[in-house]
N, C-alpha and C. Protein backbone atom coordinates (compact mmCIF):
# COMPACT_ATOMS: atom_id res chain seq x y z
N MET A 1 104.16 81.18 119.31
CA MET A 1 105.02 82.36 119.35
C MET A 1 104.78 83.10 120.66
N SER A 2 105.79 83.64 121.26
CA SER A 2 105.69 84.30 122.53
C SER A 2 105.08 85.68 122.37
N ASP A 3 104.80 86.33 123.49
CA ASP A 3 104.23 87.67 123.51
C ASP A 3 105.32 88.73 123.25
N LYS A 4 106.55 88.32 123.24
CA LYS A 4 107.67 89.23 122.98
C LYS A 4 107.58 89.80 121.57
N LYS A 5 107.83 91.09 121.44
CA LYS A 5 107.79 91.71 120.12
C LYS A 5 108.80 91.07 119.20
N ARG A 6 108.32 90.80 117.98
CA ARG A 6 109.21 90.16 117.00
C ARG A 6 110.27 91.17 116.56
N LYS A 7 111.45 90.70 116.25
CA LYS A 7 112.56 91.54 115.81
C LYS A 7 112.28 92.17 114.44
N TYR A 8 111.61 91.44 113.56
CA TYR A 8 111.44 91.92 112.17
C TYR A 8 109.98 92.22 111.81
N GLU A 9 109.13 92.49 112.79
CA GLU A 9 107.73 92.79 112.49
C GLU A 9 107.67 94.03 111.59
N PHE A 10 106.92 93.92 110.50
CA PHE A 10 106.87 94.99 109.54
C PHE A 10 106.11 96.20 110.10
N ASP A 11 106.66 97.36 109.87
CA ASP A 11 106.05 98.64 110.24
C ASP A 11 106.57 99.68 109.21
N TRP A 12 105.64 100.19 108.45
CA TRP A 12 106.01 101.13 107.36
C TRP A 12 106.94 102.24 107.83
N ASN A 13 106.57 102.89 108.90
CA ASN A 13 107.28 104.08 109.36
C ASN A 13 108.71 103.77 109.83
N ASN A 14 108.96 102.56 110.32
CA ASN A 14 110.27 102.24 110.83
C ASN A 14 111.12 101.43 109.87
N THR A 15 110.59 101.20 108.67
CA THR A 15 111.36 100.46 107.65
C THR A 15 111.32 101.21 106.34
N VAL A 16 110.25 101.00 105.60
CA VAL A 16 110.12 101.60 104.26
C VAL A 16 110.08 103.10 104.30
N GLY A 17 109.34 103.65 105.27
CA GLY A 17 109.07 105.07 105.31
C GLY A 17 110.12 105.95 105.92
N ALA A 18 111.34 105.47 106.00
CA ALA A 18 112.40 106.30 106.58
C ALA A 18 112.50 107.60 105.80
N ASP A 19 112.91 108.66 106.47
CA ASP A 19 113.07 109.97 105.82
C ASP A 19 114.28 109.91 104.90
N MET A 20 114.01 109.89 103.59
CA MET A 20 115.07 109.73 102.60
C MET A 20 116.00 110.95 102.53
N GLN A 21 115.55 112.10 102.98
CA GLN A 21 116.41 113.27 102.99
C GLN A 21 117.52 113.08 104.04
N VAL A 22 117.19 112.34 105.10
CA VAL A 22 118.18 112.03 106.14
C VAL A 22 118.94 110.76 105.77
N ALA A 23 118.23 109.73 105.35
CA ALA A 23 118.81 108.42 105.11
C ALA A 23 119.72 108.41 103.88
N ARG A 24 119.30 109.05 102.81
CA ARG A 24 120.06 109.03 101.56
C ARG A 24 120.05 110.42 100.89
N PRO A 25 120.70 111.38 101.53
CA PRO A 25 120.64 112.74 101.03
C PRO A 25 121.25 112.91 99.64
N SER A 26 122.16 112.10 99.26
CA SER A 26 122.77 112.23 97.93
C SER A 26 122.14 111.28 96.90
N LEU A 27 121.82 110.06 97.33
CA LEU A 27 121.32 109.07 96.35
C LEU A 27 119.80 109.08 96.22
N GLY A 28 119.08 109.52 97.22
CA GLY A 28 117.63 109.57 97.14
C GLY A 28 116.99 108.18 97.25
N PRO A 29 115.69 108.07 96.95
CA PRO A 29 114.95 106.87 97.21
C PRO A 29 115.04 105.80 96.12
N SER A 30 115.66 106.06 95.01
CA SER A 30 115.63 105.13 93.90
C SER A 30 116.86 104.23 93.82
N THR A 31 116.68 103.06 93.26
CA THR A 31 117.77 102.16 92.95
C THR A 31 117.44 101.44 91.64
N ARG A 32 118.30 100.61 91.16
CA ARG A 32 118.09 99.92 89.89
C ARG A 32 117.34 98.61 90.09
N VAL A 33 116.66 98.19 89.05
CA VAL A 33 115.91 96.92 89.05
C VAL A 33 116.82 95.77 89.41
N GLU A 34 118.07 95.78 88.93
CA GLU A 34 118.97 94.68 89.18
C GLU A 34 119.21 94.48 90.70
N VAL A 35 119.27 95.57 91.41
CA VAL A 35 119.51 95.48 92.86
C VAL A 35 118.29 94.88 93.56
N TYR A 36 117.09 95.30 93.18
CA TYR A 36 115.87 94.74 93.73
C TYR A 36 115.81 93.25 93.43
N ARG A 37 116.08 92.86 92.18
CA ARG A 37 116.02 91.44 91.82
C ARG A 37 117.13 90.62 92.47
N LEU A 38 118.29 91.22 92.67
CA LEU A 38 119.38 90.53 93.36
C LEU A 38 118.90 90.13 94.77
N PHE A 39 118.26 91.08 95.46
CA PHE A 39 117.74 90.80 96.79
C PHE A 39 116.63 89.73 96.70
N GLN A 40 115.66 89.95 95.84
CA GLN A 40 114.51 89.05 95.78
C GLN A 40 114.90 87.63 95.41
N PHE A 41 115.70 87.47 94.38
CA PHE A 41 115.94 86.12 93.87
C PHE A 41 116.99 85.38 94.70
N THR A 42 117.89 86.06 95.36
CA THR A 42 118.78 85.34 96.28
C THR A 42 118.02 84.90 97.53
N LEU A 43 117.13 85.76 98.02
CA LEU A 43 116.30 85.36 99.14
C LEU A 43 115.42 84.17 98.79
N ARG A 44 114.78 84.22 97.62
CA ARG A 44 113.96 83.06 97.15
C ARG A 44 114.81 81.81 97.08
N ASP A 45 116.02 81.93 96.56
CA ASP A 45 116.90 80.79 96.43
C ASP A 45 117.20 80.14 97.78
N VAL A 46 117.52 80.97 98.76
CA VAL A 46 117.80 80.44 100.09
C VAL A 46 116.55 79.80 100.70
N LEU A 47 115.42 80.45 100.57
CA LEU A 47 114.19 79.90 101.11
C LEU A 47 113.85 78.55 100.45
N GLU A 48 114.04 78.48 99.13
CA GLU A 48 113.74 77.23 98.40
C GLU A 48 114.71 76.13 98.84
N GLN A 49 116.00 76.47 99.02
CA GLN A 49 116.96 75.44 99.45
C GLN A 49 116.60 74.90 100.83
N HIS A 50 116.16 75.74 101.69
CA HIS A 50 115.84 75.35 103.07
C HIS A 50 114.46 74.73 103.24
N TYR A 51 113.47 75.21 102.48
CA TYR A 51 112.07 74.80 102.73
C TYR A 51 111.34 74.25 101.51
N GLY A 52 111.93 74.27 100.34
CA GLY A 52 111.29 73.80 99.14
C GLY A 52 110.57 74.90 98.39
N THR A 53 110.27 74.62 97.12
CA THR A 53 109.69 75.63 96.27
C THR A 53 108.30 76.07 96.73
N GLU A 54 107.46 75.12 97.07
CA GLU A 54 106.08 75.46 97.46
C GLU A 54 106.05 76.35 98.68
N THR A 55 106.85 76.04 99.70
CA THR A 55 106.90 76.88 100.89
C THR A 55 107.51 78.24 100.60
N ALA A 56 108.54 78.27 99.78
CA ALA A 56 109.14 79.56 99.43
C ALA A 56 108.13 80.44 98.74
N ASP A 57 107.36 79.86 97.81
CA ASP A 57 106.31 80.64 97.12
C ASP A 57 105.26 81.12 98.10
N THR A 58 104.85 80.25 99.03
CA THR A 58 103.83 80.63 100.02
C THR A 58 104.34 81.80 100.88
N LEU A 59 105.59 81.73 101.30
CA LEU A 59 106.15 82.82 102.12
C LEU A 59 106.23 84.10 101.35
N PHE A 60 106.61 84.05 100.09
CA PHE A 60 106.67 85.26 99.28
C PHE A 60 105.27 85.84 99.07
N ARG A 61 104.30 84.98 98.82
CA ARG A 61 102.92 85.42 98.64
C ARG A 61 102.42 86.09 99.95
N GLU A 62 102.69 85.47 101.10
CA GLU A 62 102.27 86.05 102.37
C GLU A 62 102.93 87.41 102.62
N ALA A 63 104.19 87.54 102.27
CA ALA A 63 104.87 88.83 102.39
C ALA A 63 104.22 89.87 101.48
N GLY A 64 103.85 89.41 100.28
CA GLY A 64 103.16 90.30 99.35
C GLY A 64 101.84 90.81 99.92
N VAL A 65 101.12 89.97 100.61
CA VAL A 65 99.82 90.38 101.23
C VAL A 65 100.08 91.49 102.24
N ILE A 66 101.07 91.29 103.11
CA ILE A 66 101.42 92.31 104.09
C ILE A 66 101.79 93.63 103.40
N ALA A 67 102.60 93.51 102.36
CA ALA A 67 103.03 94.72 101.63
C ALA A 67 101.83 95.37 100.92
N GLY A 68 100.98 94.57 100.30
CA GLY A 68 99.82 95.15 99.62
C GLY A 68 98.88 95.89 100.56
N LYS A 69 98.66 95.34 101.76
CA LYS A 69 97.81 95.98 102.74
C LYS A 69 98.42 97.31 103.20
N SER A 70 99.71 97.30 103.44
CA SER A 70 100.41 98.50 103.87
C SER A 70 100.42 99.55 102.76
N PHE A 71 100.64 99.06 101.51
CA PHE A 71 100.64 99.95 100.35
C PHE A 71 99.29 100.61 100.19
N PHE A 72 98.21 99.82 100.40
CA PHE A 72 96.84 100.37 100.31
C PHE A 72 96.69 101.51 101.29
N GLU A 73 97.09 101.26 102.55
CA GLU A 73 96.93 102.31 103.58
C GLU A 73 97.72 103.54 103.26
N LYS A 74 98.90 103.38 102.68
CA LYS A 74 99.80 104.49 102.42
C LYS A 74 99.38 105.29 101.18
N PHE A 75 98.95 104.60 100.10
CA PHE A 75 98.75 105.23 98.81
C PHE A 75 97.34 105.20 98.27
N LEU A 76 96.51 104.24 98.76
CA LEU A 76 95.21 104.00 98.07
C LEU A 76 94.01 104.19 98.96
N ALA A 77 94.19 104.38 100.24
CA ALA A 77 93.08 104.55 101.18
C ALA A 77 92.19 105.72 100.72
N GLY A 78 90.94 105.56 100.96
CA GLY A 78 90.00 106.62 100.53
C GLY A 78 89.46 106.41 99.12
N SER A 79 89.87 105.33 98.47
CA SER A 79 89.33 105.03 97.14
C SER A 79 87.83 104.83 97.27
N LYS A 80 87.07 105.53 96.40
CA LYS A 80 85.62 105.54 96.51
C LYS A 80 84.96 104.29 95.96
N ASP A 81 85.51 103.79 94.86
CA ASP A 81 84.94 102.61 94.18
C ASP A 81 86.04 101.90 93.44
N VAL A 82 85.71 100.80 92.75
CA VAL A 82 86.73 100.02 92.04
C VAL A 82 87.44 100.82 90.98
N ALA A 83 86.70 101.65 90.24
CA ALA A 83 87.31 102.47 89.21
C ALA A 83 88.30 103.44 89.80
N ASP A 84 87.96 104.07 90.93
CA ASP A 84 88.86 105.01 91.58
C ASP A 84 90.10 104.26 92.11
N LEU A 85 89.90 103.08 92.70
CA LEU A 85 91.01 102.26 93.17
C LEU A 85 91.94 101.90 92.01
N ALA A 86 91.37 101.44 90.92
CA ALA A 86 92.17 101.01 89.76
C ALA A 86 93.00 102.17 89.24
N GLY A 87 92.42 103.35 89.17
CA GLY A 87 93.14 104.53 88.73
C GLY A 87 94.31 104.87 89.64
N LYS A 88 94.07 104.78 90.97
CA LYS A 88 95.14 105.07 91.93
C LYS A 88 96.25 104.02 91.87
N VAL A 89 95.85 102.74 91.68
CA VAL A 89 96.87 101.68 91.55
C VAL A 89 97.70 101.95 90.31
N GLN A 90 97.03 102.23 89.21
CA GLN A 90 97.75 102.49 87.96
C GLN A 90 98.71 103.67 88.11
N ASP A 91 98.25 104.75 88.69
CA ASP A 91 99.14 105.91 88.89
C ASP A 91 100.32 105.61 89.80
N SER A 92 100.03 104.94 90.92
CA SER A 92 101.11 104.67 91.87
C SER A 92 102.10 103.67 91.33
N PHE A 93 101.60 102.61 90.66
CA PHE A 93 102.53 101.63 90.03
C PHE A 93 103.47 102.31 89.04
N ASN A 94 102.89 103.21 88.23
CA ASN A 94 103.70 103.90 87.24
C ASN A 94 104.70 104.84 87.91
N LYS A 95 104.20 105.66 88.83
CA LYS A 95 105.06 106.64 89.50
C LYS A 95 106.21 105.98 90.27
N LEU A 96 105.94 104.85 90.89
CA LEU A 96 106.95 104.17 91.70
C LEU A 96 107.76 103.13 90.90
N GLY A 97 107.46 102.97 89.61
CA GLY A 97 108.24 102.06 88.77
C GLY A 97 107.96 100.60 89.00
N ILE A 98 106.79 100.26 89.53
CA ILE A 98 106.43 98.89 89.80
C ILE A 98 106.05 98.15 88.49
N GLY A 99 105.35 98.85 87.63
CA GLY A 99 104.88 98.31 86.37
C GLY A 99 103.75 99.11 85.83
N ILE A 100 103.26 98.70 84.67
CA ILE A 100 102.14 99.36 84.00
C ILE A 100 100.90 98.54 84.27
N PHE A 101 100.06 98.99 85.18
CA PHE A 101 98.90 98.25 85.67
C PHE A 101 97.66 98.58 84.83
N ARG A 102 96.90 97.53 84.53
CA ARG A 102 95.62 97.71 83.83
C ARG A 102 94.61 96.72 84.36
N VAL A 103 93.35 97.11 84.35
CA VAL A 103 92.24 96.19 84.61
C VAL A 103 91.78 95.69 83.27
N GLU A 104 91.91 94.39 83.05
CA GLU A 104 91.51 93.78 81.77
C GLU A 104 90.01 93.45 81.80
N SER A 105 89.53 92.95 82.92
CA SER A 105 88.10 92.67 83.06
C SER A 105 87.72 92.67 84.53
N ALA A 106 86.44 92.98 84.77
CA ALA A 106 85.93 92.99 86.13
C ALA A 106 84.45 92.61 86.08
N LYS A 107 84.06 91.69 86.95
CA LYS A 107 82.64 91.33 87.08
C LYS A 107 81.91 92.48 87.79
N ASN A 108 80.68 92.66 87.45
CA ASN A 108 79.88 93.76 88.02
C ASN A 108 79.81 93.69 89.54
N ASP A 109 79.83 92.49 90.09
CA ASP A 109 79.76 92.36 91.57
C ASP A 109 81.09 92.40 92.26
N ASN A 110 82.17 92.71 91.49
CA ASN A 110 83.53 92.83 92.03
C ASN A 110 84.05 91.58 92.69
N SER A 111 83.61 90.42 92.16
CA SER A 111 84.04 89.15 92.74
C SER A 111 85.12 88.47 91.88
N HIS A 112 85.39 89.00 90.71
CA HIS A 112 86.32 88.40 89.77
C HIS A 112 86.96 89.48 88.90
N PHE A 113 88.28 89.49 88.87
CA PHE A 113 89.02 90.47 88.08
C PHE A 113 90.14 89.81 87.29
N ILE A 114 90.50 90.38 86.18
CA ILE A 114 91.76 90.06 85.49
C ILE A 114 92.54 91.35 85.40
N PHE A 115 93.76 91.34 85.91
CA PHE A 115 94.65 92.49 85.88
C PHE A 115 95.88 92.15 85.06
N THR A 116 96.48 93.14 84.41
CA THR A 116 97.77 92.93 83.75
C THR A 116 98.77 93.94 84.32
N VAL A 117 100.00 93.52 84.34
CA VAL A 117 101.11 94.39 84.73
C VAL A 117 102.19 94.21 83.65
N ASP A 118 102.36 95.23 82.83
CA ASP A 118 103.44 95.21 81.83
C ASP A 118 104.68 95.79 82.49
N GLU A 119 105.85 95.40 82.00
CA GLU A 119 107.16 95.83 82.52
C GLU A 119 107.26 95.60 84.01
N ASP A 120 106.74 94.45 84.44
CA ASP A 120 106.68 94.10 85.86
C ASP A 120 108.10 94.12 86.49
N LEU A 121 108.18 94.71 87.62
CA LEU A 121 109.45 94.84 88.35
C LEU A 121 110.09 93.48 88.61
N ASP A 122 109.27 92.47 88.86
CA ASP A 122 109.79 91.17 89.24
C ASP A 122 110.36 90.36 88.05
N CYS A 123 109.82 90.49 86.86
CA CYS A 123 110.19 89.48 85.88
C CYS A 123 110.45 89.95 84.44
N SER A 124 110.05 91.16 84.09
CA SER A 124 110.20 91.59 82.73
C SER A 124 111.66 91.48 82.26
N GLY A 125 111.83 90.81 81.13
CA GLY A 125 113.15 90.64 80.57
C GLY A 125 113.87 89.38 80.99
N LEU A 126 113.32 88.61 81.93
CA LEU A 126 113.93 87.35 82.35
C LEU A 126 113.71 86.27 81.27
N PRO A 127 114.50 85.24 81.28
CA PRO A 127 114.35 84.17 80.28
C PRO A 127 113.04 83.39 80.49
N ASP A 128 112.57 82.77 79.41
CA ASP A 128 111.41 81.91 79.47
C ASP A 128 111.78 80.67 80.28
N THR A 129 110.94 80.35 81.27
CA THR A 129 111.15 79.17 82.09
C THR A 129 109.96 78.26 82.13
N SER A 130 108.88 78.67 81.48
CA SER A 130 107.59 77.96 81.52
C SER A 130 106.94 78.04 82.90
N ASP A 131 107.45 78.85 83.78
CA ASP A 131 106.88 79.00 85.12
C ASP A 131 106.47 80.45 85.36
N VAL A 132 105.33 80.67 86.00
CA VAL A 132 105.00 82.00 86.49
C VAL A 132 105.86 82.22 87.73
N VAL A 133 106.37 83.43 87.90
CA VAL A 133 107.28 83.66 89.01
C VAL A 133 106.85 84.81 89.95
N CYS A 134 105.76 85.46 89.65
CA CYS A 134 105.37 86.65 90.38
C CYS A 134 104.46 86.36 91.57
N VAL A 135 104.86 85.44 92.43
CA VAL A 135 104.03 85.08 93.57
C VAL A 135 103.97 86.23 94.59
N TYR A 136 105.02 87.00 94.71
CA TYR A 136 104.98 88.18 95.59
C TYR A 136 103.90 89.14 95.10
N ASP A 137 103.83 89.34 93.79
CA ASP A 137 102.82 90.23 93.20
C ASP A 137 101.39 89.70 93.42
N GLU A 138 101.25 88.35 93.40
CA GLU A 138 99.93 87.78 93.72
C GLU A 138 99.47 88.25 95.10
N GLY A 139 100.37 88.10 96.06
CA GLY A 139 100.04 88.53 97.41
C GLY A 139 99.82 90.05 97.54
N PHE A 140 100.64 90.80 96.81
CA PHE A 140 100.54 92.25 96.83
C PHE A 140 99.16 92.71 96.36
N ILE A 141 98.73 92.17 95.23
CA ILE A 141 97.41 92.52 94.69
C ILE A 141 96.30 92.00 95.64
N GLN A 142 96.48 90.82 96.18
CA GLN A 142 95.51 90.30 97.14
C GLN A 142 95.36 91.23 98.33
N GLY A 143 96.49 91.71 98.87
CA GLY A 143 96.43 92.61 100.00
C GLY A 143 95.71 93.92 99.69
N ILE A 144 95.93 94.45 98.51
CA ILE A 144 95.25 95.67 98.10
C ILE A 144 93.74 95.41 98.01
N LEU A 145 93.35 94.33 97.32
CA LEU A 145 91.93 94.03 97.15
C LEU A 145 91.25 93.77 98.48
N GLU A 146 91.88 93.03 99.35
CA GLU A 146 91.28 92.73 100.65
C GLU A 146 91.13 93.99 101.51
N SER A 147 92.13 94.86 101.46
CA SER A 147 92.06 96.13 102.23
C SER A 147 90.93 97.00 101.72
N PHE A 148 90.76 97.02 100.43
CA PHE A 148 89.73 97.87 99.82
C PHE A 148 88.32 97.31 100.09
N SER A 149 88.16 95.99 99.91
CA SER A 149 86.81 95.41 99.91
C SER A 149 86.40 94.81 101.24
N GLY A 150 87.36 94.47 102.07
CA GLY A 150 87.02 93.77 103.32
C GLY A 150 86.69 92.30 103.11
N LYS A 151 86.84 91.84 101.87
CA LYS A 151 86.56 90.43 101.52
C LYS A 151 87.90 89.71 101.28
N GLY A 152 87.87 88.39 101.44
CA GLY A 152 89.04 87.58 101.12
C GLY A 152 89.15 87.39 99.61
N PHE A 153 90.33 87.38 99.10
CA PHE A 153 90.59 87.14 97.67
C PHE A 153 91.67 86.09 97.50
N ASP A 154 91.61 85.39 96.40
CA ASP A 154 92.65 84.50 95.97
C ASP A 154 93.13 85.07 94.63
N VAL A 155 94.42 85.35 94.56
CA VAL A 155 94.99 85.92 93.34
C VAL A 155 96.08 85.01 92.84
N ARG A 156 96.02 84.67 91.57
CA ARG A 156 97.02 83.84 90.95
C ARG A 156 97.46 84.41 89.59
N GLU A 157 98.73 84.30 89.36
CA GLU A 157 99.28 84.74 88.06
C GLU A 157 98.96 83.65 87.03
N ILE A 158 98.34 84.04 85.92
CA ILE A 158 97.94 83.06 84.89
C ILE A 158 98.80 83.21 83.64
N ASP A 159 99.45 84.33 83.47
CA ASP A 159 100.43 84.55 82.38
C ASP A 159 101.56 85.34 82.98
N CYS A 160 102.79 85.08 82.46
CA CYS A 160 103.97 85.76 82.99
C CYS A 160 104.96 85.98 81.84
N TRP A 161 105.80 86.98 82.00
CA TRP A 161 106.88 87.17 81.05
C TRP A 161 107.66 85.85 80.89
N CYS A 162 107.84 85.17 82.01
CA CYS A 162 108.68 83.96 82.02
C CYS A 162 107.99 82.76 81.39
N THR A 163 106.71 82.91 81.02
CA THR A 163 106.03 81.84 80.26
C THR A 163 105.87 82.23 78.80
N GLY A 164 106.53 83.32 78.46
CA GLY A 164 106.48 83.79 77.07
C GLY A 164 105.42 84.79 76.76
N SER A 165 104.64 85.20 77.75
CA SER A 165 103.50 86.10 77.50
C SER A 165 103.89 87.56 77.32
N ARG A 166 104.98 87.97 77.85
CA ARG A 166 105.51 89.34 77.76
C ARG A 166 104.64 90.35 78.51
N THR A 167 103.70 89.83 79.29
CA THR A 167 102.97 90.65 80.26
C THR A 167 102.59 89.69 81.41
N CYS A 168 102.41 90.24 82.55
CA CYS A 168 101.93 89.43 83.68
C CYS A 168 100.43 89.64 83.80
N ARG A 169 99.72 88.56 83.90
CA ARG A 169 98.26 88.60 84.00
C ARG A 169 97.86 87.85 85.28
N PHE A 170 97.01 88.51 86.05
CA PHE A 170 96.60 87.97 87.34
C PHE A 170 95.08 87.83 87.36
N GLU A 171 94.64 86.69 87.88
CA GLU A 171 93.20 86.47 88.07
C GLU A 171 92.93 86.57 89.59
N ALA A 172 91.96 87.39 89.93
CA ALA A 172 91.57 87.57 91.34
C ALA A 172 90.10 87.17 91.49
N LYS A 173 89.87 86.29 92.46
CA LYS A 173 88.51 85.84 92.76
C LYS A 173 88.27 85.97 94.25
N THR A 174 87.03 86.27 94.63
CA THR A 174 86.72 86.27 96.05
C THR A 174 86.88 84.86 96.57
N ALA A 175 87.42 84.78 97.78
CA ALA A 175 87.72 83.45 98.39
C ALA A 175 86.48 82.88 99.01
């Protein structure tokens, strides 16, 4: 890749963080889940058609990591410990309509976690497909954990609404 600035390099202030009073004075910052999913699943479809399922999932996971790290800096920085971080994640996920976040289990050394997200933005209400689909969320959680701890994490969805579980469950382990 050249030294030239990328056209689509992510920057919170110049993309997500636009002043909504100026950008959307009548509609505000909210939209419906269907619109979010329309964007997400059509983009996934195009990526899968061009690059295959595995690469599409990898790209979505990588985007999730970038988003999770940026989300940490914007909403979660300054968390004192894992309990404080978990509380802030739970509050922000609820406030922003991402889902209902819970810590199901955590090892004392913070090397292994199980998290659940009920009413997940990505998949709640979708048909059973026998496949976990929340790879973006895997990356998002990974980005949060890595920003907080300074350690590498591997996060994988182990239960999903789309596998019949009616909650998304994620296992996070230090890499």
